[in-house]
């Protein structure tokens, strides 16, 4: 009991994958309430890092790529007249890869893998991708604080729509979980 009037006022909640803690109820003599003391394992799982290889598309210039393509072996029929279908495909792949390596080189980066929220589904991903695209367009047209700009207005409207979608998905998920576990109160508290 944590109160003299035979009531339990304090609850210690832990994760379901941890062992239940040992709780000491201590009477310090200052009040009709008791002091609770317990130890918790607060260790986090070690982060997971993933290496990915990507091209640096920010340095890609369409005009330079087209100019390099015009002077490549793909536009010189002397280079590919005697090749069969497999040879043409190999030539195409090699030339395009060489041009891209020159202009948008591959680089390997290490990223920390973060767990996704359970409510973040394909609809949220699509909305986020659309929002990011509109944000890039709005940034190219000027400052995002320029409320008179039509691209900024479109971006802000899409941003409000995205945030309301995220909130609706989150609320729907938790409402479903609460409804599913309503009969099992212990599981609901977990």
Protein backbone atom coordinates (compact mmCIF):
# COMPACT_ATOMS: atom_id res chain seq x y z
CA UNK A 1 0.00 0.00 0.00
CA UNK A 2 1.30 3.43 -0.84
CA UNK A 3 -1.29 5.34 1.19
CA UNK A 4 -2.55 4.95 4.77
CA UNK A 5 -6.18 4.84 3.65
CA UNK A 6 -5.52 1.47 1.97
CA UNK A 7 -5.35 2.90 -1.53
CA UNK A 8 -2.90 2.28 -4.30
CA UNK A 9 -2.08 5.64 -5.80
CA UNK A 10 1.12 4.84 -7.68
CA UNK A 11 1.64 2.54 -10.61
CA UNK A 12 4.98 1.52 -12.11
CA UNK A 13 4.66 0.74 -15.82
CA UNK A 14 7.38 -1.05 -17.76
CA UNK A 15 7.83 -2.48 -21.22
CA UNK A 16 6.49 -5.98 -21.73
CA UNK A 17 9.87 -7.27 -22.98
CA UNK A 18 11.58 -6.41 -19.66
CA UNK A 19 11.33 -8.39 -16.41
CA UNK A 20 9.03 -6.83 -13.81
CA UNK A 21 10.97 -4.63 -11.39
CA UNK A 22 11.27 -5.21 -7.66
CA UNK A 23 9.53 -2.30 -5.97
CA UNK A 24 10.41 -1.18 -2.43
CA UNK A 25 7.72 0.75 -0.52
CA UNK A 26 9.47 3.01 1.99
CA UNK A 27 7.80 4.89 4.82
CA UNK A 28 9.83 8.06 5.36
CA UNK A 29 7.53 9.30 8.13
CA UNK A 30 6.67 12.71 6.65
CA UNK A 31 3.30 11.98 5.14
CA UNK A 32 0.52 9.46 4.87
CA UNK A 33 2.03 8.49 1.49
CA UNK A 34 4.91 6.09 0.91
CA UNK A 35 7.99 6.46 -1.25
CA UNK A 36 8.49 3.98 -4.07
CA UNK A 37 11.93 2.86 -5.19
CA UNK A 38 12.76 0.51 -8.05
CA UNK A 39 15.44 -0.11 -10.63
CA UNK A 40 14.78 -0.08 -14.33
CA UNK A 41 16.84 -1.30 -17.19
CA UNK A 42 17.05 1.75 -19.43
CA UNK A 43 19.46 0.30 -21.96
CA UNK A 44 18.64 1.04 -25.54
CA UNK A 45 19.22 -1.39 -28.32
CA UNK A 46 22.39 -0.57 -30.21
CA UNK A 47 21.72 1.41 -33.39
CA UNK A 48 21.77 -0.42 -36.70
CA UNK A 49 23.82 1.15 -39.47
CA UNK A 50 23.36 0.31 -43.14
CA UNK A 51 25.73 1.16 -45.98
CA UNK A 52 24.12 2.37 -49.18
CA UNK A 53 25.61 3.37 -52.50
CA UNK A 54 23.98 6.32 -54.21
CA UNK A 55 24.68 8.81 -56.94
CA UNK A 56 25.15 12.46 -56.12
CA UNK A 57 22.30 13.74 -58.31
CA UNK A 58 22.73 17.34 -57.16
CA UNK A 59 25.83 17.62 -59.33
CA UNK A 60 24.04 16.22 -62.39
CA UNK A 61 23.65 18.70 -65.25
CA UNK A 62 21.27 17.68 -68.03
CA UNK A 63 22.92 19.86 -70.69
CA UNK A 64 26.41 18.52 -69.96
CA UNK A 65 25.10 14.95 -69.99
CA UNK A 66 23.44 15.48 -73.38
CA UNK A 67 26.62 17.05 -74.81
CA UNK A 68 28.72 14.14 -73.53
CA UNK A 69 26.18 11.68 -74.94
CA UNK A 70 26.35 13.30 -78.42
CA UNK A 71 30.11 12.76 -78.63
CA UNK A 72 29.99 9.23 -77.14
CA UNK A 73 30.17 5.91 -78.99
CA UNK A 74 26.38 5.63 -78.83
CA UNK A 75 26.01 8.43 -81.37
CA UNK A 76 28.82 7.13 -83.63
CA UNK A 77 27.39 4.41 -85.86
CA UNK A 78 30.92 3.24 -86.71
CA UNK A 79 31.27 1.98 -83.14
CA UNK A 80 28.18 -0.20 -83.05
CA UNK A 81 27.34 -1.30 -86.60
CA UNK A 82 28.82 -4.81 -86.20
CA UNK A 83 27.34 -5.51 -82.77
CA UNK A 84 24.46 -7.90 -82.09
CA UNK A 85 21.66 -7.21 -79.59
CA UNK A 86 23.64 -8.28 -76.51
CA UNK A 87 26.63 -6.22 -77.62
CA UNK A 88 24.43 -3.14 -78.10
CA UNK A 89 22.92 -3.54 -74.65
CA UNK A 90 26.39 -3.93 -73.12
CA UNK A 91 27.71 -0.88 -75.02
CA UNK A 92 24.71 1.20 -73.94
CA UNK A 93 25.11 0.18 -70.29
CA UNK A 94 28.86 0.84 -70.28
CA UNK A 95 28.60 4.27 -71.93
CA UNK A 96 25.72 5.47 -69.74
CA UNK A 97 27.46 4.20 -66.58
CA UNK A 98 30.72 5.95 -67.58
CA UNK A 99 28.90 9.23 -68.28
CA UNK A 100 27.02 9.06 -64.99
CA UNK A 101 30.19 8.15 -63.08
CA UNK A 102 31.85 11.26 -64.49
CA UNK A 103 29.00 13.61 -63.73
CA UNK A 104 27.15 12.08 -60.76
CA UNK A 105 29.68 9.73 -59.14
CA UNK A 106 28.67 6.90 -56.88
CA UNK A 107 29.35 7.38 -53.20
CA UNK A 108 28.87 5.05 -50.29
CA UNK A 109 27.23 6.45 -47.20
CA UNK A 110 26.41 4.93 -43.85
CA UNK A 111 22.90 5.62 -42.59
CA UNK A 112 21.33 4.81 -39.27
CA UNK A 113 18.26 2.65 -39.74
CA UNK A 114 15.37 4.05 -37.76
CA UNK A 115 12.24 2.08 -37.01
CA UNK A 116 9.18 3.42 -38.75
CA UNK A 117 6.02 4.30 -36.88
CA UNK A 118 3.39 1.57 -37.23
CA UNK A 119 0.86 4.02 -38.66
CA UNK A 120 3.20 5.37 -41.37
CA UNK A 121 1.97 3.45 -44.43
CA UNK A 122 2.27 3.76 -48.22
CA UNK A 123 -0.29 6.57 -48.34
CA UNK A 124 1.81 8.58 -45.87
CA UNK A 125 4.99 7.86 -47.87
CA UNK A 126 3.37 9.04 -51.09
CA UNK A 127 2.05 12.20 -49.42
CA UNK A 128 5.49 12.92 -47.91
CA UNK A 129 7.20 12.45 -51.28
CA UNK A 130 4.71 14.83 -52.91
CA UNK A 131 5.22 17.38 -50.11
CA UNK A 132 9.03 17.24 -50.48
CA UNK A 133 8.72 17.75 -54.23
CA UNK A 134 6.50 20.79 -53.74
CA UNK A 135 8.91 22.13 -51.12
CA UNK A 136 11.83 21.91 -53.55
CA UNK A 137 9.77 23.71 -56.19
CA UNK A 138 8.78 26.43 -53.71
CA UNK A 139 12.41 26.88 -52.59
CA UNK A 140 13.54 27.30 -56.18
CA UNK A 141 10.95 30.02 -56.73
CA UNK A 142 12.09 32.01 -53.69
CA UNK A 143 11.81 32.08 -49.94
CA UNK A 144 9.33 29.81 -48.15
CA UNK A 145 8.27 32.77 -46.02
CA UNK A 146 6.94 34.60 -49.10
CA UNK A 147 3.21 34.02 -48.55
CA UNK A 148 2.26 35.82 -51.78
CA UNK A 149 4.05 33.25 -53.96
CA UNK A 150 1.60 30.75 -55.52
CA UNK A 151 4.09 27.87 -55.23
CA UNK A 152 4.55 28.59 -51.52
CA UNK A 153 0.76 28.70 -51.06
CA UNK A 154 0.41 25.30 -52.77
CA UNK A 155 3.23 23.91 -50.62
CA UNK A 156 1.65 25.23 -47.41
CA UNK A 157 -1.75 23.77 -48.32
CA UNK A 158 -0.13 20.40 -49.07
CA UNK A 159 1.80 20.61 -45.80
CA UNK A 160 -1.40 21.17 -43.80
CA UNK A 161 -3.01 18.26 -45.64
CA UNK A 162 0.01 16.02 -44.91
CA UNK A 163 0.01 16.85 -41.19
CA UNK A 164 -3.73 16.19 -40.90
CA UNK A 165 -3.25 12.85 -42.73
CA UNK A 166 -0.49 11.87 -40.30
CA UNK A 167 -2.62 12.83 -37.30
CA UNK A 168 -5.64 10.96 -38.66
CA UNK A 169 -3.55 7.80 -39.30
CA UNK A 170 -2.03 7.96 -35.79
CA UNK A 171 -5.42 8.42 -34.10
CA UNK A 172 -7.01 5.66 -36.17
CA UNK A 173 -4.26 3.19 -35.28
CA UNK A 174 -4.44 3.88 -31.54
CA UNK A 175 -8.24 3.86 -31.51
CA UNK A 176 -8.17 0.46 -33.23
CA UNK A 177 -5.65 -0.88 -30.71
CA UNK A 178 -7.66 0.38 -27.75
CA UNK A 179 -10.86 -1.13 -29.15
CA UNK A 180 -9.15 -4.47 -29.82
CA UNK A 181 -7.73 -4.69 -26.28
CA UNK A 182 -10.71 -3.20 -24.44
CA UNK A 183 -11.69 -6.55 -22.90
CA UNK A 184 -8.10 -7.29 -21.78
CA UNK A 185 -7.28 -4.42 -19.45
CA UNK A 186 -3.85 -5.70 -18.52
CA UNK A 187 -2.83 -5.83 -22.17
CA UNK A 188 -4.39 -2.43 -22.74
CA UNK A 189 -2.14 -0.93 -20.05
CA UNK A 190 0.89 -2.50 -21.69
